[in-house]
C-alpha atoms as a PDB file:
ATOM      1  CA  MET A   1      34.197  24.097  18.383  1.00  0.00           C
ATOM      2  CA  LYS A   2      32.844  25.805  21.473  1.00  0.00           C
ATOM      3  CA  PHE A   3      29.120  25.373  22.092  1.00  0.00           C
ATOM      4  CA  THR A   4      27.342  28.687  22.521  1.00  0.00           C
ATOM      5  CA  SER A   5      24.294  28.426  24.716  1.00  0.00           C
ATOM      6  CA  LYS A   6      21.208  29.931  23.123  1.00  0.00           C
ATOM      7  CA  GLU A   7      17.910  30.970  24.588  1.00  0.00           C
ATOM      8  CA  LEU A   8      15.354  28.180  24.790  1.00  0.00           C
ATOM      9  CA  SER A   9      11.594  28.150  24.333  1.00  0.00           C
ATOM     10  CA  PRO A  10      10.676  25.396  26.816  1.00  0.00           C
ATOM     11  CA  TYR A  11       6.914  25.651  26.399  1.00  0.00           C
ATOM     12  CA  LEU A  12       6.861  25.490  22.612  1.00  0.00           C
ATOM     13  CA  SER A  13       6.698  21.687  22.606  1.00  0.00           C
ATOM     14  CA  ALA A  14       7.462  18.628  24.721  1.00  0.00           C
ATOM     15  CA  ARG A  15      10.737  18.270  22.835  1.00  0.00           C
ATOM     16  CA  HIS A  16      11.726  21.829  23.722  1.00  0.00           C
ATOM     17  CA  TYR A  17      10.731  21.188  27.330  1.00  0.00           C
ATOM     18  CA  PHE A  18      12.854  18.025  27.432  1.00  0.00           C
ATOM     19  CA  GLY A  19      15.849  20.005  26.177  1.00  0.00           C
ATOM     20  CA  SER A  20      15.336  22.874  28.585  1.00  0.00           C
ATOM     21  CA  GLU A  21      15.008  20.462  31.506  1.00  0.00           C
ATOM     22  CA  GLN A  22      18.198  18.688  30.492  1.00  0.00           C
ATOM     23  CA  ARG A  23      19.970  22.041  30.524  1.00  0.00           C
ATOM     24  CA  ARG A  24      18.368  23.105  33.823  1.00  0.00           C
ATOM     25  CA  HIS A  25      19.416  19.899  35.573  1.00  0.00           C
ATOM     26  CA  ARG A  26      22.871  20.025  34.005  1.00  0.00           C
ATOM     27  CA  GLU A  27      23.491  23.626  35.084  1.00  0.00           C
ATOM     28  CA  ARG A  28      22.091  22.960  38.563  1.00  0.00           C
ATOM     29  CA  ALA A  29      24.595  20.100  38.863  1.00  0.00           C
ATOM     30  CA  ARG A  30      27.303  22.475  37.574  1.00  0.00           C
ATOM     31  CA  LEU A  31      28.187  20.209  34.707  1.00  0.00           C
ATOM     32  CA  SER A  32      29.445  21.270  31.306  1.00  0.00           C
ATOM     33  CA  LEU A  33      28.214  19.504  28.189  1.00  0.00           C
ATOM     34  CA  VAL A  34      31.542  17.685  27.999  1.00  0.00           C
ATOM     35  CA  GLN A  35      31.250  16.480  31.595  1.00  0.00           C
ATOM     36  CA  LEU A  36      27.668  15.321  31.132  1.00  0.00           C
ATOM     37  CA  ALA A  37      28.667  13.607  27.885  1.00  0.00           C
ATOM     38  CA  ASP A  38      31.222  11.528  29.801  1.00  0.00           C
ATOM     39  CA  ILE A  39      28.631  10.541  32.401  1.00  0.00           C
ATOM     40  CA  VAL A  40      25.799   9.503  30.067  1.00  0.00           C
ATOM     41  CA  ASN A  41      28.069   8.195  27.276  1.00  0.00           C
ATOM     42  CA  PHE A  42      26.667  10.435  24.562  1.00  0.00           C
ATOM     43  CA  SER A  43      28.584  12.954  22.487  1.00  0.00           C
ATOM     44  CA  LYS A  44      28.692  16.625  23.386  1.00  0.00           C
ATOM     45  CA  SER A  45      27.162  17.533  20.025  1.00  0.00           C
ATOM     46  CA  THR A  46      24.228  15.172  20.584  1.00  0.00           C
ATOM     47  CA  LEU A  47      23.495  16.657  23.991  1.00  0.00           C
ATOM     48  CA  ALA A  48      23.807  20.187  22.620  1.00  0.00           C
ATOM     49  CA  ARG A  49      21.316  19.473  19.828  1.00  0.00           C
ATOM     50  CA  VAL A  50      18.904  17.858  22.297  1.00  0.00           C
ATOM     51  CA  GLU A  51      19.036  20.940  24.522  1.00  0.00           C
ATOM     52  CA  THR A  52      18.112  23.201  21.608  1.00  0.00           C
ATOM     53  CA  ALA A  53      15.409  20.800  20.332  1.00  0.00           C
ATOM     54  CA  GLU A  54      17.242  20.272  17.053  1.00  0.00           C
ATOM     55  CA  LEU A  55      17.400  16.528  17.700  1.00  0.00           C
ATOM     56  CA  MET A  56      14.879  14.056  19.052  1.00  0.00           C
ATOM     57  CA  PRO A  57      16.460  12.567  22.208  1.00  0.00           C
ATOM     58  CA  PRO A  58      17.925   9.132  21.421  1.00  0.00           C
ATOM     59  CA  PRO A  59      15.848   6.370  23.111  1.00  0.00           C
ATOM     60  CA  GLU A  60      18.656   5.459  25.525  1.00  0.00           C
ATOM     61  CA  LEU A  61      19.275   9.023  26.686  1.00  0.00           C
ATOM     62  CA  PRO A  62      16.271   9.548  29.041  1.00  0.00           C
ATOM     63  CA  SER A  63      17.194   6.663  31.356  1.00  0.00           C
ATOM     64  CA  ALA A  64      20.833   7.792  31.328  1.00  0.00           C
ATOM     65  CA  LEU A  65      19.777  11.292  32.360  1.00  0.00           C
ATOM     66  CA  ASP A  66      17.458   9.907  35.057  1.00  0.00           C
ATOM     67  CA  ALA A  67      20.385   7.963  36.488  1.00  0.00           C
ATOM     68  CA  ALA A  68      22.816  10.871  36.171  1.00  0.00           C
ATOM     69  CA  PHE A  69      20.549  13.334  37.973  1.00  0.00           C
ATOM     70  CA  GLY A  70      18.852  10.857  40.327  1.00  0.00           C
ATOM     71  CA  VAL A  71      15.325  11.722  39.203  1.00  0.00           C
ATOM     72  CA  GLU A  72      13.878   8.220  38.733  1.00  0.00           C
ATOM     73  CA  GLU A  73      11.764   8.248  35.519  1.00  0.00           C
ATOM     74  CA  TYR A  74      11.445  12.003  35.052  1.00  0.00           C
ATOM     75  CA  PHE A  75      13.182  12.214  31.664  1.00  0.00           C
ATOM     76  CA  HIS A  76      11.646   8.885  30.679  1.00  0.00           C
ATOM     77  CA  GLY A  77       8.193  10.470  31.086  1.00  0.00           C
ATOM     78  CA  LEU A  78       9.135  13.581  29.132  1.00  0.00           C
ATOM     79  CA  PHE A  79      10.444  11.407  26.318  1.00  0.00           C
ATOM     80  CA  GLN A  80       7.155   9.501  26.066  1.00  0.00           C
ATOM     81  CA  LEU A  81       5.431  12.813  25.343  1.00  0.00           C
ATOM     82  CA  ALA A  82       8.126  14.231  23.063  1.00  0.00           C
ATOM     83  CA  LYS A  83       8.343  11.256  20.742  1.00  0.00           C
ATOM     84  CA  LYS A  84       4.603  11.286  19.998  1.00  0.00           C
ATOM     85  CA  GLU A  85       4.068  14.942  19.179  1.00  0.00           C
ATOM     86  CA  ALA A  86       4.555  16.796  15.936  1.00  0.00           C
ATOM     87  CA  HIS A  87       7.610  19.000  15.633  1.00  0.00           C
ATOM     88  CA  PRO A  88       6.510  22.678  15.690  1.00  0.00           C
ATOM     89  CA  ASP A  89       8.237  23.314  12.366  1.00  0.00           C
ATOM     90  CA  GLN A  90       8.019  19.779  11.088  1.00  0.00           C
ATOM     91  CA  TYR A  91       7.613  20.419   7.351  1.00  0.00           C
ATOM     92  CA  ARG A  92      10.761  22.528   7.119  1.00  0.00           C
ATOM     93  CA  ARG A  93      12.483  19.897   9.214  1.00  0.00           C
ATOM     94  CA  TYR A  94      11.234  17.225   6.811  1.00  0.00           C
ATOM     95  CA  MET A  95      12.611  19.204   3.854  1.00  0.00           C
ATOM     96  CA  ASP A  96      15.999  19.406   5.574  1.00  0.00           C
ATOM     97  CA  PHE A  97      16.005  15.646   6.067  1.00  0.00           C
ATOM     98  CA  GLU A  98      14.904  15.024   2.463  1.00  0.00           C
ATOM     99  CA  ALA A  99      17.804  17.131   1.177  1.00  0.00           C
ATOM    100  CA  GLN A 100      20.245  14.946   3.162  1.00  0.00           C
ATOM    101  CA  ALA A 101      18.634  11.544   2.576  1.00  0.00           C
ATOM    102  CA  VAL A 102      20.599   8.840   0.807  1.00  0.00           C
ATOM    103  CA  VAL A 103      17.492   6.643   0.473  1.00  0.00           C
ATOM    104  CA  ILE A 104      13.957   7.938  -0.118  1.00  0.00           C
ATOM    105  CA  GLU A 105      11.087   5.433   0.003  1.00  0.00           C
ATOM    106  CA  GLN A 106       7.540   6.592  -0.690  1.00  0.00           C
ATOM    107  CA  TYR A 107       3.991   5.331  -0.939  1.00  0.00           C
ATOM    108  CA  GLY A 108       1.413   7.320  -2.871  1.00  0.00           C
ATOM    109  CA  GLY A 109      -2.189   6.250  -2.464  1.00  0.00           C
ATOM    110  CA  GLN A 110      -4.032   9.032  -4.291  1.00  0.00           C
ATOM    111  CA  VAL A 111      -1.555  11.159  -6.228  1.00  0.00           C
ATOM    112  CA  VAL A 112       1.953  10.837  -7.640  1.00  0.00           C
ATOM    113  CA  PRO A 113       4.521  11.767  -4.938  1.00  0.00           C
ATOM    114  CA  GLY A 114       6.004  15.228  -5.444  1.00  0.00           C
ATOM    115  CA  LEU A 115       9.488  13.962  -6.311  1.00  0.00           C
ATOM    116  CA  LEU A 116       8.007  12.033  -9.255  1.00  0.00           C
ATOM    117  CA  GLN A 117       5.577  14.648 -10.555  1.00  0.00           C
ATOM    118  CA  THR A 118       5.936  16.367 -13.898  1.00  0.00           C
ATOM    119  CA  ARG A 119       5.577  20.151 -13.946  1.00  0.00           C
ATOM    120  CA  THR A 120       2.132  20.019 -15.565  1.00  0.00           C
ATOM    121  CA  TYR A 121       0.856  17.396 -13.111  1.00  0.00           C
ATOM    122  CA  ALA A 122       2.206  19.399 -10.147  1.00  0.00           C
ATOM    123  CA  HIS A 123       0.680  22.629 -11.440  1.00  0.00           C
ATOM    124  CA  THR A 124      -2.726  21.013 -11.954  1.00  0.00           C
ATOM    125  CA  PHE A 125      -2.691  19.403  -8.516  1.00  0.00           C
ATOM    126  CA  LEU A 126      -1.608  22.538  -6.652  1.00  0.00           C
ATOM    127  CA  SER A 127      -4.074  24.702  -8.582  1.00  0.00           C
ATOM    128  CA  ARG A 128      -6.904  22.768  -6.941  1.00  0.00           C
ATOM    129  CA  GLN A 129      -5.980  24.270  -3.570  1.00  0.00           C
ATOM    130  CA  GLU A 130      -8.355  27.194  -3.296  1.00  0.00           C
ATOM    131  CA  THR A 131      -6.283  29.005  -0.682  1.00  0.00           C
ATOM    132  CA  LEU A 132      -3.347  29.452  -3.088  1.00  0.00           C
ATOM    133  CA  SER A 133      -3.091  32.367  -5.499  1.00  0.00           C
ATOM    134  CA  ALA A 134      -1.800  31.812  -9.030  1.00  0.00           C
ATOM    135  CA  GLU A 135       1.542  33.284  -7.975  1.00  0.00           C
ATOM    136  CA  GLU A 136       1.764  30.994  -4.938  1.00  0.00           C
ATOM    137  CA  VAL A 137       0.947  27.975  -7.098  1.00  0.00           C
ATOM    138  CA  GLU A 138       3.766  28.867  -9.476  1.00  0.00           C
ATOM    139  CA  GLN A 139       6.187  29.342  -6.584  1.00  0.00           C
ATOM    140  CA  ARG A 140       5.308  25.936  -5.145  1.00  0.00           C
ATOM    141  CA  VAL A 141       5.606  24.243  -8.521  1.00  0.00           C
ATOM    142  CA  ASN A 142       9.051  25.772  -9.000  1.00  0.00           C
ATOM    143  CA  ALA A 143      10.055  24.653  -5.509  1.00  0.00           C
ATOM    144  CA  ARG A 144       8.845  21.125  -6.243  1.00  0.00           C
ATOM    145  CA  MET A 145      10.806  20.994  -9.490  1.00  0.00           C
ATOM    146  CA  ALA A 146      13.887  22.319  -7.682  1.00  0.00           C
ATOM    147  CA  ARG A 147      13.634  19.433  -5.199  1.00  0.00           C
ATOM    148  CA  GLN A 148      13.937  17.042  -8.138  1.00  0.00           C
ATOM    149  CA  GLU A 149      17.247  18.536  -9.295  1.00  0.00           C
ATOM    150  CA  ARG A 150      19.162  16.421  -6.790  1.00  0.00           C
ATOM    151  CA  GLN A 151      17.915  13.303  -8.572  1.00  0.00           C
ATOM    152  CA  ARG A 152      19.902  14.370 -11.642  1.00  0.00           C
ATOM    153  CA  SER A 153      23.085  15.144  -9.728  1.00  0.00           C
ATOM    154  CA  ASP A 154      26.274  13.073  -9.628  1.00  0.00           C
ATOM    155  CA  ALA A 155      25.229  11.619  -6.264  1.00  0.00           C
ATOM    156  CA  PRO A 156      21.451  11.135  -6.374  1.00  0.00           C
ATOM    157  CA  PRO A 157      19.546   9.496  -3.527  1.00  0.00           C
ATOM    158  CA  TYR A 158      18.300   5.951  -4.053  1.00  0.00           C
ATOM    159  CA  ARG A 159      14.522   6.126  -4.474  1.00  0.00           C
ATOM    160  CA  TRP A 160      11.812   3.503  -4.198  1.00  0.00           C
ATOM    161  CA  ALA A 161       8.160   4.382  -4.792  1.00  0.00           C
ATOM    162  CA  ILE A 162       5.037   2.261  -4.348  1.00  0.00           C
ATOM    163  CA  LEU A 163       1.960   3.661  -6.079  1.00  0.00           C
ATOM    164  CA  ASP A 164      -1.632   2.581  -5.722  1.00  0.00           C
ATOM    165  CA  GLU A 165      -3.278   1.728  -9.044  1.00  0.00           C
ATOM    166  CA  ALA A 166      -5.681   4.618  -8.389  1.00  0.00           C
ATOM    167  CA  VAL A 167      -2.758   6.995  -8.957  1.00  0.00           C
ATOM    168  CA  LEU A 168      -2.443   5.702 -12.523  1.00  0.00           C
ATOM    169  CA  ARG A 169      -6.161   5.779 -13.258  1.00  0.00           C
ATOM    170  CA  ARG A 170      -7.187   9.157 -11.830  1.00  0.00           C
ATOM    171  CA  ASP A 171      -7.139  11.911 -14.440  1.00  0.00           C
ATOM    172  CA  VAL A 172      -5.089  14.880 -13.262  1.00  0.00           C
ATOM    173  CA  GLY A 173      -4.820  17.607 -15.891  1.00  0.00           C
ATOM    174  CA  GLY A 174      -6.327  15.814 -18.880  1.00  0.00           C
ATOM    175  CA  GLU A 175      -5.132  13.136 -21.280  1.00  0.00           C
ATOM    176  CA  THR A 176      -1.946  14.856 -22.419  1.00  0.00           C
ATOM    177  CA  ALA A 177      -0.815  15.678 -18.883  1.00  0.00           C
ATOM    178  CA  MET A 178      -1.545  12.158 -17.646  1.00  0.00           C
ATOM    179  CA  TYR A 179       0.147  10.520 -20.620  1.00  0.00           C
ATOM    180  CA  GLU A 180       3.283  12.593 -19.980  1.00  0.00           C
ATOM    181  CA  GLN A 181       3.172  11.813 -16.263  1.00  0.00           C
ATOM    182  CA  LEU A 182       2.767   8.085 -16.825  1.00  0.00           C
ATOM    183  CA  SER A 183       5.515   8.118 -19.444  1.00  0.00           C
ATOM    184  CA  SER A 184       7.811   9.746 -16.892  1.00  0.00           C
ATOM    185  CA  LEU A 185       6.947   7.063 -14.323  1.00  0.00           C
ATOM    186  CA  LEU A 186       7.544   4.292 -16.841  1.00  0.00           C
ATOM    187  CA  ALA A 187      11.025   5.635 -17.562  1.00  0.00           C
ATOM    188  CA  GLN A 188      11.869   5.421 -13.851  1.00  0.00           C
ATOM    189  CA  VAL A 189      10.381   2.006 -13.014  1.00  0.00           C
ATOM    190  CA  ASP A 190      13.713   0.217 -12.966  1.00  0.00           C
ATOM    191  CA  THR A 191      16.812   2.388 -13.109  1.00  0.00           C
ATOM    192  CA  PRO A 192      20.048   2.243 -11.078  1.00  0.00           C
ATOM    193  CA  HIS A 193      18.737   4.931  -8.730  1.00  0.00           C
ATOM    194  CA  CYS A 194      14.962   4.468  -8.826  1.00  0.00           C
ATOM    195  CA  LYS A 195      12.433   1.638  -8.563  1.00  0.00           C
ATOM    196  CA  ILE A 196       8.649   1.936  -8.866  1.00  0.00           C
ATOM    197  CA  GLN A 197       6.061  -0.674  -7.948  1.00  0.00           C
ATOM    198  CA  VAL A 198       2.292  -0.560  -8.317  1.00  0.00           C
ATOM    199  CA  VAL A 199      -0.269  -1.911  -5.853  1.00  0.00           C
ATOM    200  CA  PRO A 200      -3.131  -3.295  -8.006  1.00  0.00           C
ATOM    201  CA  PHE A 201      -6.781  -2.889  -7.102  1.00  0.00           C
ATOM    202  CA  ARG A 202      -7.070  -6.658  -6.759  1.00  0.00           C
ATOM    203  CA  LEU A 203      -4.864  -6.597  -3.655  1.00  0.00           C
ATOM    204  CA  GLY A 204      -7.790  -5.075  -1.779  1.00  0.00           C
ATOM    205  CA  LEU A 205      -7.348  -3.366   1.565  1.00  0.00           C
ATOM    206  CA  HIS A 206      -3.910  -2.715   3.014  1.00  0.00           C
ATOM    207  CA  ALA A 207      -2.466  -0.843   5.994  1.00  0.00           C
ATOM    208  CA  LEU A 208      -1.362   2.304   4.151  1.00  0.00           C
ATOM    209  CA  MET A 209      -4.603   3.041   2.322  1.00  0.00           C
ATOM    210  CA  GLY A 210      -5.985   6.541   2.703  1.00  0.00           C
ATOM    211  CA  GLY A 211      -2.709   8.400   3.091  1.00  0.00           C
ATOM    212  CA  ALA A 212       0.854   8.813   1.910  1.00  0.00           C
ATOM    213  CA  LEU A 213       4.128   7.781   3.521  1.00  0.00           C
ATOM    214  CA  THR A 214       7.771   8.726   3.074  1.00  0.00           C
ATOM    215  CA  LEU A 215      10.729   7.029   4.755  1.00  0.00           C
ATOM    216  CA  LEU A 216      14.014   8.957   4.713  1.00  0.00           C
ATOM    217  CA  THR A 217      17.325   7.267   5.500  1.00  0.00           C
ATOM    218  CA  LEU A 218      20.143   9.679   6.360  1.00  0.00           C
ATOM    219  CA  PRO A 219      23.887   9.130   5.841  1.00  0.00           C
ATOM    220  CA  ASP A 220      24.301   8.011   9.475  1.00  0.00           C
ATOM    221  CA  GLY A 221      21.719   5.247   8.974  1.00  0.00           C
ATOM    222  CA  SER A 222      18.938   6.889  10.980  1.00  0.00           C
ATOM    223  CA  THR A 223      15.448   6.861   9.447  1.00  0.00           C
ATOM    224  CA  MET A 224      12.534   9.288   9.679  1.00  0.00           C
ATOM    225  CA  ALA A 225       8.925   8.677   8.645  1.00  0.00           C
ATOM    226  CA  TYR A 226       6.594  11.349   7.281  1.00  0.00           C
ATOM    227  CA  GLU A 227       2.916  10.372   7.112  1.00  0.00           C
ATOM    228  CA  GLU A 228       0.435  12.600   5.298  1.00  0.00           C
ATOM    229  CA  GLY A 229      -3.322  12.799   5.580  1.00  0.00           C
ATOM    230  CA  ILE A 230      -5.780  15.089   3.825  1.00  0.00           C
ATOM    231  CA  GLU A 231      -4.814  18.350   5.527  1.00  0.00           C
ATOM    232  CA  ALA A 232      -1.866  17.553   7.760  1.00  0.00           C
ATOM    233  CA  GLY A 233       1.329  15.558   7.936  1.00  0.00           C
ATOM    234  CA  HIS A 234       3.272  14.132  10.852  1.00  0.00           C
ATOM    235  CA  LEU A 235       7.026  13.669  11.053  1.00  0.00           C
ATOM    236  CA  TYR A 236       8.160  10.748  13.218  1.00  0.00           C
ATOM    237  CA  GLU A 237      11.743  10.432  14.433  1.00  0.00           C
ATOM    238  CA  ALA A 238      11.463   8.040  17.399  1.00  0.00           C
ATOM    239  CA  PRO A 239      12.927   4.679  16.266  1.00  0.00           C
ATOM    240  CA  ASP A 240      10.089   2.554  17.671  1.00  0.00           C
ATOM    241  CA  ILE A 241       7.430   4.538  15.814  1.00  0.00           C
ATOM    242  CA  VAL A 242       9.477   4.691  12.610  1.00  0.00           C
ATOM    243  CA  SER A 243       9.891   0.900  12.815  1.00  0.00           C
ATOM    244  CA  LYS A 244       6.118   0.484  12.773  1.00  0.00           C
ATOM    245  CA  TRP A 245       5.833   2.476   9.546  1.00  0.00           C
ATOM    246  CA  ARG A 246       8.814   0.573   8.122  1.00  0.00           C
ATOM    247  CA  ARG A 247       7.129  -2.793   8.725  1.00  0.00           C
ATOM    248  CA  GLN A 248       3.938  -1.656   7.020  1.00  0.00           C
ATOM    249  CA  TYR A 249       5.912  -0.355   4.044  1.00  0.00           C
ATOM    250  CA  GLU A 250       7.877  -3.587   3.691  1.00  0.00           C
ATOM    251  CA  VAL A 251       4.683  -5.680   3.781  1.00  0.00           C
ATOM    252  CA  LEU A 252       3.194  -3.527   1.035  1.00  0.00           C
ATOM    253  CA  ARG A 253       6.390  -3.760  -1.029  1.00  0.00           C
ATOM    254  CA  ALA A 254       6.282  -7.546  -0.770  1.00  0.00           C
ATOM    255  CA  ASN A 255       2.656  -7.643  -1.947  1.00  0.00           C
ATOM    256  CA  ALA A 256       2.960  -5.072  -4.745  1.00  0.00           C
ATOM    257  CA  LEU A 257       3.509  -6.031  -8.376  1.00  0.00           C
ATOM    258  CA  SER A 258       7.025  -6.814  -9.533  1.00  0.00           C
ATOM    259  CA  LEU A 259       8.929  -4.111 -11.405  1.00  0.00           C
ATOM    260  CA  ALA A 260       8.133  -5.740 -14.762  1.00  0.00           C
ATOM    261  CA  GLU A 261       4.465  -6.201 -13.881  1.00  0.00           C
ATOM    262  CA  SER A 262       4.292  -2.607 -12.651  1.00  0.00           C
ATOM    263  CA  ALA A 263       5.728  -1.377 -15.953  1.00  0.00           C
ATOM    264  CA  ASP A 264       3.073  -3.363 -17.835  1.00  0.00           C
ATOM    265  CA  LEU A 265       0.270  -1.834 -15.770  1.00  0.00           C
ATOM    266  CA  ILE A 266       1.646   1.672 -16.317  1.00  0.00           C
ATOM    267  CA  ARG A 267       1.709   0.993 -20.080  1.00  0.00           C
ATOM    268  CA  LYS A 268      -1.931  -0.108 -19.971  1.00  0.00           C
ATOM    269  CA  ALA A 269      -2.864   3.053 -18.084  1.00  0.00           C
ATOM    270  CA  MET A 270      -1.007   5.092 -20.703  1.00  0.00           C
ATOM    271  CA  GLU A 271      -3.184   3.540 -23.385  1.00  0.00           C
ATOM    272  CA  ASP A 272      -6.288   4.619 -21.469  1.00  0.00           C
ATOM    273  CA  HIS A 273      -4.958   8.180 -21.201  1.00  0.00           C
ATOM    274  CA  LYS A 274      -3.469   8.319 -24.694  1.00  0.00           C
ATOM    275  CA  PRO A 275      -4.314  11.657 -26.367  1.00  0.00           C
ATOM    276  CA  CYS A 276      -6.069  11.551 -29.699  1.00  0.00           C
ATOM    277  CA  ASP A 277      -3.130  13.380 -31.274  1.00  0.00           C
ATOM    278  CA  THR A 278       0.009  11.776 -29.840  1.00  0.00           C
ATOM    279  CA  GLN A 279       2.224  13.699 -32.281  1.00  0.00           C
ATOM    280  CA  GLN A 280       2.118  16.667 -29.912  1.00  0.00           C
ATOM    281  CA  LEU A 281       4.105  14.586 -27.404  1.00  0.00           C
ATOM    282  CA  THR A 282       7.011  13.929 -29.786  1.00  0.00           C
END
């Protein structure tokens, strides 16, 4: 398929600038994408997506471009900036990656991750955002529930979630809502496509406290990390940065309760949130 050059926005981000500079140097050298691909040993499609900022430059590409164009560490320097900044449209980009992911690993330190939330829990949580109207809350709840549909498909992603004990203890929506939410978690603790572990209070401090983390593994084996704070999130695609988040996640997984122990703790939390009239749940 022929690559159609599109207009670039070089000053939108460091990633866009990297791509525009790759194109500028390539065109100045009178090289096609195919010719440059042969020189730097990367595919034409990869180079095309880098030029349009659709893809984070692979770590080996900057030095290959520096050598190809004889510019010492010019692209190396641009890459150091690009890999550390947030993508201008990172949340939509994250959603695209989530829809493709074959493995989704999450840590929730304060609330149940969106892919595990019940409708009532999600509605209660989103309703607390004062900037959202009732209509916007409903739209976001519906969108969140739609994201969960893939989990019930014939080819669901493999999911692993690690939840802080605080997630089980904090009342979100009242006893009935929490009991339903915890019951939903319990049903997914150890299934063929989902595992859930709990980090107990007794573990004390750990590296991921205070935020939330999602690791997405795509069909080609590449992994992205999405770290969320109180008001903002950051999508990381550079392998060295993703590896840092991966190590922290694996340490927490090793120190969390076993699947059986996690199920027991969820059951205990359910008892604490058990509505006075449990018949309404049957």
